[in-house]
Amino acid sequence: MHGARHTAATLLIEQGVDISVVQEILGHSQLTTTKRYTHNTASLSTEAATRMGRAFWG
């Protein structure tokens, strides 16, 4: 069950759900707890790089 919470948090972040909403869904009182439940993935890194490229080169 614990692993499912990590997976759910990460999938929600990948779908663009704001971390404060993820915090509410998981029932965490501290945002720092929610941040420990989320994990960087290849798709999140790729999306970040793509956005940075657009910011620099349009």
PDB file of N, CA and C in Angstrom:
ATOM      1  N   MET A   1       0.810  -1.192   0.000  1.00  0.00           N
ATOM      2  CA  MET A   1       0.000   0.000   0.000  1.00  0.00           C
ATOM      3  C   MET A   1       0.864   1.270   0.000  1.00  0.00           C
ATOM      4  N   HIS A   2       1.940   1.235   0.761  1.00  0.00           N
ATOM      5  CA  HIS A   2       2.795   2.414   0.850  1.00  0.00           C
ATOM      6  C   HIS A   2       3.386   2.777  -0.516  1.00  0.00           C
ATOM      7  N   GLY A   3       3.846   1.767  -1.246  1.00  0.00           N
ATOM      8  CA  GLY A   3       4.397   2.005  -2.577  1.00  0.00           C
ATOM      9  C   GLY A   3       3.378   2.587  -3.535  1.00  0.00           C
ATOM     10  N   ALA A   4       2.126   2.191  -3.373  1.00  0.00           N
ATOM     11  CA  ALA A   4       1.056   2.715  -4.229  1.00  0.00           C
ATOM     12  C   ALA A   4       0.876   4.212  -4.016  1.00  0.00           C
ATOM     13  N   ARG A   5       1.078   4.683  -2.796  1.00  0.00           N
ATOM     14  CA  ARG A   5       0.956   6.116  -2.529  1.00  0.00           C
ATOM     15  C   ARG A   5       2.062   6.894  -3.255  1.00  0.00           C
ATOM     16  N   HIS A   6       3.284   6.340  -3.267  1.00  0.00           N
ATOM     17  CA  HIS A   6       4.380   6.973  -4.002  1.00  0.00           C
ATOM     18  C   HIS A   6       4.066   7.001  -5.496  1.00  0.00           C
ATOM     19  N   THR A   7       3.581   5.888  -6.007  1.00  0.00           N
ATOM     20  CA  THR A   7       3.235   5.804  -7.426  1.00  0.00           C
ATOM     21  C   THR A   7       2.138   6.797  -7.769  1.00  0.00           C
ATOM     22  N   ALA A   8       1.101   6.855  -6.948  1.00  0.00           N
ATOM     23  CA  ALA A   8      -0.011   7.776  -7.200  1.00  0.00           C
ATOM     24  C   ALA A   8       0.476   9.222  -7.198  1.00  0.00           C
ATOM     25  N   ALA A   9       1.299   9.569  -6.222  1.00  0.00           N
ATOM     26  CA  ALA A   9       1.811  10.935  -6.146  1.00  0.00           C
ATOM     27  C   ALA A   9       2.622  11.289  -7.390  1.00  0.00           C
ATOM     28  N   THR A  10       3.486  10.394  -7.807  1.00  0.00           N
ATOM     29  CA  THR A  10       4.324  10.645  -8.980  1.00  0.00           C
ATOM     30  C   THR A  10       3.484  10.743 -10.248  1.00  0.00           C
ATOM     31  N   LEU A  11       2.520   9.854 -10.412  1.00  0.00           N
ATOM     32  CA  LEU A  11       1.659   9.902 -11.599  1.00  0.00           C
ATOM     33  C   LEU A  11       0.835  11.185 -11.643  1.00  0.00           C
ATOM     34  N   LEU A  12       0.353  11.629 -10.509  1.00  0.00           N
ATOM     35  CA  LEU A  12      -0.405  12.880 -10.472  1.00  0.00           C
ATOM     36  C   LEU A  12       0.467  14.057 -10.878  1.00  0.00           C
ATOM     37  N   ILE A  13       1.687  14.099 -10.370  1.00  0.00           N
ATOM     38  CA  ILE A  13       2.621  15.172 -10.745  1.00  0.00           C
ATOM     39  C   ILE A  13       2.915  15.112 -12.243  1.00  0.00           C
ATOM     40  N   GLU A  14       3.110  13.905 -12.784  1.00  0.00           N
ATOM     41  CA  GLU A  14       3.363  13.759 -14.226  1.00  0.00           C
ATOM     42  C   GLU A  14       2.192  14.268 -15.058  1.00  0.00           C
ATOM     43  N   GLN A  15       0.988  14.174 -14.525  1.00  0.00           N
ATOM     44  CA  GLN A  15      -0.198  14.631 -15.247  1.00  0.00           C
ATOM     45  C   GLN A  15      -0.430  16.131 -15.092  1.00  0.00           C
ATOM     46  N   GLY A  16       0.467  16.794 -14.381  1.00  0.00           N
ATOM     47  CA  GLY A  16       0.372  18.249 -14.240  1.00  0.00           C
ATOM     48  C   GLY A  16      -0.465  18.713 -13.064  1.00  0.00           C
ATOM     49  N   VAL A  17      -0.829  17.796 -12.179  1.00  0.00           N
ATOM     50  CA  VAL A  17      -1.598  18.173 -10.993  1.00  0.00           C
ATOM     51  C   VAL A  17      -0.674  18.932 -10.047  1.00  0.00           C
ATOM     52  N   ASP A  18      -1.132  20.072  -9.568  1.00  0.00           N
ATOM     53  CA  ASP A  18      -0.333  20.880  -8.654  1.00  0.00           C
ATOM     54  C   ASP A  18      -0.021  20.092  -7.382  1.00  0.00           C
ATOM     55  N   ILE A  19       1.185  20.275  -6.866  1.00  0.00           N
ATOM     56  CA  ILE A  19       1.614  19.500  -5.708  1.00  0.00           C
ATOM     57  C   ILE A  19       0.742  19.755  -4.481  1.00  0.00           C
ATOM     58  N   SER A  20       0.152  20.948  -4.368  1.00  0.00           N
ATOM     59  CA  SER A  20      -0.725  21.207  -3.225  1.00  0.00           C
ATOM     60  C   SER A  20      -1.994  20.368  -3.310  1.00  0.00           C
ATOM     61  N   VAL A  21      -2.443  20.064  -4.527  1.00  0.00           N
ATOM     62  CA  VAL A  21      -3.602  19.184  -4.714  1.00  0.00           C
ATOM     63  C   VAL A  21      -3.211  17.752  -4.361  1.00  0.00           C
ATOM     64  N   VAL A  22      -2.020  17.333  -4.776  1.00  0.00           N
ATOM     65  CA  VAL A  22      -1.518  15.999  -4.428  1.00  0.00           C
ATOM     66  C   VAL A  22      -1.421  15.888  -2.904  1.00  0.00           C
ATOM     67  N   GLN A  23      -0.940  16.935  -2.266  1.00  0.00           N
ATOM     68  CA  GLN A  23      -0.840  16.960  -0.806  1.00  0.00           C
ATOM     69  C   GLN A  23      -2.206  16.712  -0.180  1.00  0.00           C
ATOM     70  N   GLU A  24      -3.213  17.382  -0.691  1.00  0.00           N
ATOM     71  CA  GLU A  24      -4.569  17.216  -0.159  1.00  0.00           C
ATOM     72  C   GLU A  24      -5.087  15.800  -0.384  1.00  0.00           C
ATOM     73  N   ILE A  25      -4.871  15.271  -1.575  1.00  0.00           N
ATOM     74  CA  ILE A  25      -5.335  13.921  -1.892  1.00  0.00           C
ATOM     75  C   ILE A  25      -4.699  12.891  -0.962  1.00  0.00           C
ATOM     76  N   LEU A  26      -3.397  13.047  -0.716  1.00  0.00           N
ATOM     77  CA  LEU A  26      -2.687  12.094   0.136  1.00  0.00           C
ATOM     78  C   LEU A  26      -2.931  12.340   1.621  1.00  0.00           C
ATOM     79  N   GLY A  27      -3.484  13.495   1.943  1.00  0.00           N
ATOM     80  CA  GLY A  27      -3.790  13.790   3.338  1.00  0.00           C
ATOM     81  C   GLY A  27      -2.604  14.229   4.170  1.00  0.00           C
ATOM     82  N   HIS A  28      -1.609  14.795   3.527  1.00  0.00           N
ATOM     83  CA  HIS A  28      -0.425  15.261   4.249  1.00  0.00           C
ATOM     84  C   HIS A  28      -0.669  16.667   4.791  1.00  0.00           C
ATOM     85  N   SER A  29      -0.214  16.920   6.000  1.00  0.00           N
ATOM     86  CA  SER A  29      -0.342  18.255   6.570  1.00  0.00           C
ATOM     87  C   SER A  29       0.837  19.145   6.170  1.00  0.00           C
ATOM     88  N   GLN A  30       1.950  18.540   5.800  1.00  0.00           N
ATOM     89  CA  GLN A  30       3.147  19.282   5.405  1.00  0.00           C
ATOM     90  C   GLN A  30       3.493  19.001   3.946  1.00  0.00           C
ATOM     91  N   LEU A  31       3.775  20.064   3.206  1.00  0.00           N
ATOM     92  CA  LEU A  31       4.157  19.901   1.802  1.00  0.00           C
ATOM     93  C   LEU A  31       5.470  19.132   1.674  1.00  0.00           C
ATOM     94  N   THR A  32       6.352  19.271   2.641  1.00  0.00           N
ATOM     95  CA  THR A  32       7.625  18.553   2.586  1.00  0.00           C
ATOM     96  C   THR A  32       7.409  17.034   2.590  1.00  0.00           C
ATOM     97  N   THR A  33       6.382  16.577   3.269  1.00  0.00           N
ATOM     98  CA  THR A  33       6.065  15.142   3.264  1.00  0.00           C
ATOM     99  C   THR A  33       5.653  14.709   1.870  1.00  0.00           C
ATOM    100  N   THR A  34       4.806  15.500   1.227  1.00  0.00           N
ATOM    101  CA  THR A  34       4.346  15.174  -0.126  1.00  0.00           C
ATOM    102  C   THR A  34       5.519  15.154  -1.096  1.00  0.00           C
ATOM    103  N   LYS A  35       6.438  16.082  -0.944  1.00  0.00           N
ATOM    104  CA  LYS A  35       7.607  16.122  -1.824  1.00  0.00           C
ATOM    105  C   LYS A  35       8.435  14.848  -1.699  1.00  0.00           C
ATOM    106  N   ARG A  36       8.483  14.256  -0.512  1.00  0.00           N
ATOM    107  CA  ARG A  36       9.218  12.999  -0.338  1.00  0.00           C
ATOM    108  C   ARG A  36       8.498  11.835  -1.025  1.00  0.00           C
ATOM    109  N   TYR A  37       7.212  11.969  -1.281  1.00  0.00           N
ATOM    110  CA  TYR A  37       6.436  10.917  -1.928  1.00  0.00           C
ATOM    111  C   TYR A  37       6.534  10.973  -3.446  1.00  0.00           C
ATOM    112  N   THR A  38       6.941  12.093  -4.000  1.00  0.00           N
ATOM    113  CA  THR A  38       7.031  12.218  -5.450  1.00  0.00           C
ATOM    114  C   THR A  38       8.457  11.936  -5.904  1.00  0.00           C
ATOM    115  N   HIS A  39       8.589  11.442  -7.106  1.00  0.00           N
ATOM    116  CA  HIS A  39       9.895  11.073  -7.639  1.00  0.00           C
ATOM    117  C   HIS A  39      10.035  11.631  -9.052  1.00  0.00           C
ATOM    118  N   ASN A  40      11.235  12.095  -9.376  1.00  0.00           N
ATOM    119  CA  ASN A  40      11.493  12.569 -10.729  1.00  0.00           C
ATOM    120  C   ASN A  40      11.514  11.378 -11.674  1.00  0.00           C
ATOM    121  N   THR A  41      10.925  11.574 -12.834  1.00  0.00           N
ATOM    122  CA  THR A  41      10.916  10.523 -13.847  1.00  0.00           C
ATOM    123  C   THR A  41      11.525  11.076 -15.123  1.00  0.00           C
ATOM    124  N   ALA A  42      11.797  10.189 -16.055  1.00  0.00           N
ATOM    125  CA  ALA A  42      12.364  10.609 -17.340  1.00  0.00           C
ATOM    126  C   ALA A  42      11.422  11.572 -18.057  1.00  0.00           C
ATOM    127  N   SER A  43      10.122  11.303 -17.997  1.00  0.00           N
ATOM    128  CA  SER A  43       9.180  12.182 -18.696  1.00  0.00           C
ATOM    129  C   SER A  43       9.125  13.562 -18.055  1.00  0.00           C
ATOM    130  N   LEU A  44       9.247  13.646 -16.729  1.00  0.00           N
ATOM    131  CA  LEU A  44       9.273  14.959 -16.076  1.00  0.00           C
ATOM    132  C   LEU A  44      10.528  15.727 -16.463  1.00  0.00           C
ATOM    133  N   SER A  45      11.653  15.039 -16.523  1.00  0.00           N
ATOM    134  CA  SER A  45      12.906  15.685 -16.914  1.00  0.00           C
ATOM    135  C   SER A  45      12.860  16.143 -18.365  1.00  0.00           C
ATOM    136  N   THR A  46      12.311  15.312 -19.226  1.00  0.00           N
ATOM    137  CA  THR A  46      12.192  15.666 -20.643  1.00  0.00           C
ATOM    138  C   THR A  46      11.288  16.876 -20.821  1.00  0.00           C
ATOM    139  N   GLU A  47      10.176  16.888 -20.121  1.00  0.00           N
ATOM    140  CA  GLU A  47       9.246  18.013 -20.216  1.00  0.00           C
ATOM    141  C   GLU A  47       9.903  19.297 -19.717  1.00  0.00           C
ATOM    142  N   ALA A  48      10.652  19.212 -18.637  1.00  0.00           N
ATOM    143  CA  ALA A  48      11.349  20.392 -18.115  1.00  0.00           C
ATOM    144  C   ALA A  48      12.356  20.915 -19.138  1.00  0.00           C
ATOM    145  N   ALA A  49      13.105  20.024 -19.757  1.00  0.00           N
ATOM    146  CA  ALA A  49      14.089  20.426 -20.767  1.00  0.00           C
ATOM    147  C   ALA A  49      13.409  21.038 -21.979  1.00  0.00           C
ATOM    148  N   THR A  50      12.283  20.465 -22.388  1.00  0.00           N
ATOM    149  CA  THR A  50      11.526  21.003 -23.523  1.00  0.00           C
ATOM    150  C   THR A  50      11.031  22.412 -23.223  1.00  0.00           C
ATOM    151  N   ARG A  51      10.506  22.606 -22.037  1.00  0.00           N
ATOM    152  CA  ARG A  51      10.019  23.938 -21.657  1.00  0.00           C
ATOM    153  C   ARG A  51      11.152  24.952 -21.619  1.00  0.00           C
ATOM    154  N   MET A  52      12.303  24.537 -21.107  1.00  0.00           N
ATOM    155  CA  MET A  52      13.445  25.440 -21.061  1.00  0.00           C
ATOM    156  C   MET A  52      13.888  25.793 -22.472  1.00  0.00           C
ATOM    157  N   GLY A  53      13.896  24.817 -23.361  1.00  0.00           N
ATOM    158  CA  GLY A  53      14.249  25.078 -24.760  1.00  0.00           C
ATOM    159  C   GLY A  53      13.308  26.076 -25.399  1.00  0.00           C
ATOM    160  N   ARG A  54      12.007  25.917 -25.137  1.00  0.00           N
ATOM    161  CA  ARG A  54      11.011  26.858 -25.678  1.00  0.00           C
ATOM    162  C   ARG A  54      11.229  28.254 -25.115  1.00  0.00           C
ATOM    163  N   ALA A  55      11.590  28.342 -23.841  1.00  0.00           N
ATOM    164  CA  ALA A  55      11.813  29.642 -23.214  1.00  0.00           C
ATOM    165  C   ALA A  55      12.999  30.366 -23.860  1.00  0.00           C
ATOM    166  N   PHE A  56      14.025  29.612 -24.228  1.00  0.00           N
ATOM    167  CA  PHE A  56      15.208  30.210 -24.833  1.00  0.00           C
ATOM    168  C   PHE A  56      15.062  30.449 -26.322  1.00  0.00           C
ATOM    169  N   TRP A  57      14.479  29.479 -27.029  1.00  0.00           N
ATOM    170  CA  TRP A  57      14.497  29.535 -28.487  1.00  0.00           C
ATOM    171  C   TRP A  57      13.129  29.570 -29.132  1.00  0.00           C
ATOM    172  N   GLY A  58      12.073  29.657 -28.329  1.00  0.00           N
ATOM    173  CA  GLY A  58      10.722  29.786 -28.857  1.00  0.00           C
ATOM    174  C   GLY A  58      10.115  28.610 -29.443  1.00  0.00           C
TER     175      GLY A  58
END
